[in-house]
Amino acid sequence: MQFFFESVCSESFSILCVSAEEFGRIRDIFMTNQNGEELECLPITVTDLEGMVHEDFLRGYSSTAENKPCIQELDIPLGYGSKFK
């Protein structure tokens, strides 16, 4: 699965490949905080499939189809292929 996160609090966003369990945890955090004023700047820690821990701000998330490979990308400049722009 893929998990996308970006924020108006930073100059870039990332695409992370995460487990189904981690994706569910992220989804729960997003759903719990989606109506809060600070969601776009909500700090979050995410662990990717390789066990690397990433810290950034949660703005959104998305999953991919099972037959689509996950390609992890870090620090993509905002406005460059952004899923949320």
N, C-alpha and C. Protein backbone atom coordinates (compact mmCIF):
# COMPACT_ATOMS: atom_id res chain seq x y z
N MET A 1 0.84 -1.19 0.00
CA MET A 1 0.00 0.00 0.00
C MET A 1 0.87 1.24 0.00
N GLN A 2 0.30 2.29 -0.49
CA GLN A 2 1.00 3.56 -0.45
C GLN A 2 0.31 4.48 0.53
N PHE A 3 1.08 5.31 1.14
CA PHE A 3 0.55 6.35 2.00
C PHE A 3 1.20 7.65 1.58
N PHE A 4 0.40 8.64 1.28
CA PHE A 4 0.91 9.93 0.87
C PHE A 4 0.78 10.89 2.04
N PHE A 5 1.79 11.69 2.28
CA PHE A 5 1.56 12.77 3.21
C PHE A 5 2.27 14.02 2.75
N GLU A 6 1.65 15.14 3.00
CA GLU A 6 2.21 16.43 2.67
C GLU A 6 1.57 17.45 3.59
N SER A 7 2.06 18.65 3.55
CA SER A 7 1.52 19.64 4.45
C SER A 7 1.82 21.04 3.97
N VAL A 8 0.93 21.96 4.31
CA VAL A 8 1.23 23.37 4.08
C VAL A 8 2.31 23.82 5.05
N CYS A 9 2.65 22.97 6.00
CA CYS A 9 3.68 23.30 6.98
C CYS A 9 5.08 22.99 6.46
N SER A 10 5.18 22.37 5.30
CA SER A 10 6.49 22.06 4.75
C SER A 10 6.51 22.37 3.26
N GLU A 11 7.69 22.34 2.69
CA GLU A 11 7.87 22.69 1.28
C GLU A 11 7.81 21.47 0.36
N SER A 12 7.57 20.29 0.93
CA SER A 12 7.57 19.08 0.12
C SER A 12 6.59 18.07 0.69
N PHE A 13 6.41 16.98 -0.04
CA PHE A 13 5.58 15.88 0.44
C PHE A 13 6.29 14.57 0.11
N SER A 14 5.80 13.49 0.66
CA SER A 14 6.42 12.19 0.44
C SER A 14 5.38 11.14 0.11
N ILE A 15 5.81 10.11 -0.59
CA ILE A 15 5.00 8.93 -0.85
C ILE A 15 5.72 7.79 -0.13
N LEU A 16 5.05 7.20 0.84
CA LEU A 16 5.65 6.13 1.62
C LEU A 16 4.92 4.82 1.38
N CYS A 17 5.66 3.73 1.34
CA CYS A 17 5.08 2.40 1.24
C CYS A 17 4.99 1.84 2.65
N VAL A 18 3.79 1.50 3.07
CA VAL A 18 3.57 1.05 4.44
C VAL A 18 2.75 -0.24 4.46
N SER A 19 2.78 -0.91 5.60
CA SER A 19 1.99 -2.13 5.76
C SER A 19 0.51 -1.78 5.90
N ALA A 20 -0.33 -2.79 5.75
CA ALA A 20 -1.78 -2.58 5.91
C ALA A 20 -2.09 -2.12 7.33
N GLU A 21 -1.36 -2.66 8.31
CA GLU A 21 -1.57 -2.26 9.71
C GLU A 21 -1.20 -0.79 9.92
N GLU A 22 -0.07 -0.37 9.38
CA GLU A 22 0.36 1.02 9.51
C GLU A 22 -0.60 1.95 8.77
N PHE A 23 -1.06 1.52 7.61
CA PHE A 23 -2.03 2.32 6.85
C PHE A 23 -3.31 2.52 7.67
N GLY A 24 -3.79 1.46 8.33
CA GLY A 24 -4.98 1.56 9.16
C GLY A 24 -4.78 2.52 10.33
N ARG A 25 -3.59 2.48 10.92
CA ARG A 25 -3.28 3.39 12.03
C ARG A 25 -3.30 4.84 11.55
N ILE A 26 -2.72 5.09 10.38
CA ILE A 26 -2.69 6.44 9.81
C ILE A 26 -4.11 6.90 9.47
N ARG A 27 -4.89 6.00 8.88
CA ARG A 27 -6.28 6.34 8.55
C ARG A 27 -7.06 6.72 9.80
N ASP A 28 -6.87 5.97 10.88
CA ASP A 28 -7.56 6.28 12.13
C ASP A 28 -7.16 7.64 12.67
N ILE A 29 -5.88 7.96 12.61
CA ILE A 29 -5.41 9.28 13.06
C ILE A 29 -6.05 10.37 12.22
N PHE A 30 -6.07 10.17 10.91
CA PHE A 30 -6.65 11.17 10.01
C PHE A 30 -8.13 11.36 10.29
N MET A 31 -8.86 10.26 10.42
CA MET A 31 -10.31 10.34 10.65
C MET A 31 -10.62 11.00 11.99
N THR A 32 -9.83 10.72 13.00
CA THR A 32 -10.04 11.31 14.33
C THR A 32 -9.82 12.82 14.31
N ASN A 33 -8.89 13.29 13.47
CA ASN A 33 -8.49 14.69 13.49
C ASN A 33 -8.96 15.49 12.28
N GLN A 34 -9.75 14.90 11.38
CA GLN A 34 -10.06 15.57 10.12
C GLN A 34 -10.84 16.86 10.28
N ASN A 35 -11.57 17.03 11.34
CA ASN A 35 -12.34 18.25 11.53
C ASN A 35 -11.62 19.29 12.39
N GLY A 36 -10.43 18.96 12.81
CA GLY A 36 -9.66 19.90 13.63
C GLY A 36 -8.99 20.96 12.79
N GLU A 37 -8.80 22.11 13.37
CA GLU A 37 -8.18 23.23 12.66
C GLU A 37 -6.72 22.95 12.34
N GLU A 38 -6.07 22.11 13.12
CA GLU A 38 -4.63 21.89 12.97
C GLU A 38 -4.28 20.65 12.15
N LEU A 39 -5.25 20.05 11.44
CA LEU A 39 -4.95 18.81 10.71
C LEU A 39 -3.81 19.00 9.72
N GLU A 40 -3.78 20.10 8.99
CA GLU A 40 -2.74 20.29 7.99
C GLU A 40 -1.36 20.37 8.61
N CYS A 41 -1.27 20.62 9.89
CA CYS A 41 0.02 20.72 10.57
C CYS A 41 0.14 19.68 11.68
N LEU A 42 -0.60 18.59 11.58
CA LEU A 42 -0.59 17.55 12.61
C LEU A 42 0.69 16.72 12.48
N PRO A 43 1.58 16.77 13.47
CA PRO A 43 2.81 15.98 13.39
C PRO A 43 2.48 14.49 13.46
N ILE A 44 3.21 13.69 12.69
CA ILE A 44 2.98 12.25 12.68
C ILE A 44 4.30 11.53 12.43
N THR A 45 4.40 10.33 12.99
CA THR A 45 5.54 9.46 12.75
C THR A 45 5.01 8.23 12.02
N VAL A 46 5.66 7.87 10.91
CA VAL A 46 5.22 6.76 10.07
C VAL A 46 6.41 5.81 9.85
N THR A 47 6.15 4.52 9.93
CA THR A 47 7.18 3.52 9.66
C THR A 47 6.90 2.87 8.31
N ASP A 48 7.89 2.93 7.40
CA ASP A 48 7.69 2.34 6.07
C ASP A 48 7.96 0.84 6.10
N LEU A 49 7.83 0.20 4.94
CA LEU A 49 7.98 -1.26 4.85
C LEU A 49 9.38 -1.75 5.21
N GLU A 50 10.37 -0.87 5.08
CA GLU A 50 11.75 -1.25 5.41
C GLU A 50 12.08 -0.99 6.88
N GLY A 51 11.11 -0.49 7.63
CA GLY A 51 11.33 -0.22 9.05
C GLY A 51 11.89 1.16 9.34
N MET A 52 12.05 1.99 8.31
CA MET A 52 12.55 3.34 8.51
C MET A 52 11.43 4.23 9.05
N VAL A 53 11.75 5.03 10.04
CA VAL A 53 10.76 5.92 10.66
C VAL A 53 10.87 7.30 10.02
N HIS A 54 9.73 7.84 9.62
CA HIS A 54 9.66 9.16 9.00
C HIS A 54 8.81 10.06 9.88
N GLU A 55 9.23 11.30 10.04
CA GLU A 55 8.45 12.27 10.81
C GLU A 55 8.11 13.43 9.89
N ASP A 56 6.85 13.81 9.88
CA ASP A 56 6.40 14.93 9.05
C ASP A 56 5.03 15.35 9.53
N PHE A 57 4.30 16.04 8.67
CA PHE A 57 2.96 16.51 9.01
C PHE A 57 1.94 15.78 8.15
N LEU A 58 0.85 15.34 8.77
CA LEU A 58 -0.19 14.60 8.06
C LEU A 58 -1.16 15.56 7.40
N ARG A 59 -1.36 15.40 6.11
CA ARG A 59 -2.39 16.17 5.42
C ARG A 59 -3.41 15.25 4.77
N GLY A 60 -2.97 14.10 4.32
CA GLY A 60 -3.90 13.18 3.67
C GLY A 60 -3.25 11.82 3.49
N TYR A 61 -4.04 10.90 2.98
CA TYR A 61 -3.52 9.55 2.75
C TYR A 61 -4.27 8.95 1.57
N SER A 62 -3.70 7.94 0.96
CA SER A 62 -4.33 7.26 -0.16
C SER A 62 -3.74 5.87 -0.26
N SER A 63 -4.51 4.94 -0.79
CA SER A 63 -3.99 3.60 -1.03
C SER A 63 -3.99 3.34 -2.53
N THR A 64 -3.24 2.33 -2.94
CA THR A 64 -3.18 1.97 -4.35
C THR A 64 -3.85 0.62 -4.55
N ALA A 65 -4.13 0.31 -5.79
CA ALA A 65 -4.66 -1.01 -6.12
C ALA A 65 -3.60 -2.06 -5.82
N GLU A 66 -4.04 -3.25 -5.49
CA GLU A 66 -3.10 -4.31 -5.13
C GLU A 66 -2.13 -4.64 -6.26
N ASN A 67 -2.54 -4.45 -7.51
CA ASN A 67 -1.67 -4.79 -8.63
C ASN A 67 -0.75 -3.64 -9.04
N LYS A 68 -0.81 -2.52 -8.35
CA LYS A 68 0.06 -1.38 -8.65
C LYS A 68 1.20 -1.37 -7.65
N PRO A 69 2.43 -1.39 -8.13
CA PRO A 69 3.56 -1.39 -7.20
C PRO A 69 3.68 -0.05 -6.47
N CYS A 70 4.16 -0.11 -5.26
CA CYS A 70 4.39 1.11 -4.49
C CYS A 70 5.82 1.58 -4.75
N ILE A 71 5.95 2.82 -5.15
CA ILE A 71 7.26 3.42 -5.37
C ILE A 71 7.41 4.54 -4.35
N GLN A 72 8.31 4.33 -3.41
CA GLN A 72 8.48 5.31 -2.33
C GLN A 72 9.30 6.49 -2.83
N GLU A 73 8.84 7.70 -2.53
CA GLU A 73 9.54 8.92 -2.89
C GLU A 73 9.50 9.86 -1.70
N LEU A 74 10.63 10.48 -1.42
CA LEU A 74 10.72 11.39 -0.28
C LEU A 74 10.99 12.82 -0.75
N ASP A 75 10.46 13.77 -0.02
CA ASP A 75 10.73 15.19 -0.23
C ASP A 75 10.49 15.66 -1.66
N ILE A 76 9.32 15.36 -2.19
CA ILE A 76 8.92 15.83 -3.51
C ILE A 76 8.46 17.28 -3.35
N PRO A 77 8.97 18.21 -4.15
CA PRO A 77 8.55 19.61 -4.01
C PRO A 77 7.05 19.76 -4.24
N LEU A 78 6.40 20.59 -3.43
CA LEU A 78 4.97 20.84 -3.60
C LEU A 78 4.70 21.37 -5.00
N GLY A 79 3.60 20.94 -5.58
CA GLY A 79 3.24 21.36 -6.93
C GLY A 79 3.80 20.45 -8.01
N TYR A 80 4.69 19.51 -7.65
CA TYR A 80 5.26 18.58 -8.61
C TYR A 80 4.55 17.25 -8.49
N GLY A 81 3.47 17.08 -9.24
CA GLY A 81 2.73 15.83 -9.21
C GLY A 81 1.99 15.59 -7.91
N SER A 82 1.74 16.63 -7.18
CA SER A 82 1.09 16.48 -5.88
C SER A 82 -0.32 15.95 -6.02
N LYS A 83 -0.66 14.92 -5.26
CA LYS A 83 -1.98 14.32 -5.29
C LYS A 83 -3.02 15.23 -4.65
N PHE A 84 -2.59 16.13 -3.78
CA PHE A 84 -3.53 16.95 -3.03
C PHE A 84 -3.59 18.39 -3.49
N LYS A 85 -2.87 18.78 -4.53
CA LYS A 85 -2.88 20.16 -5.00
C LYS A 85 -3.96 20.36 -6.02
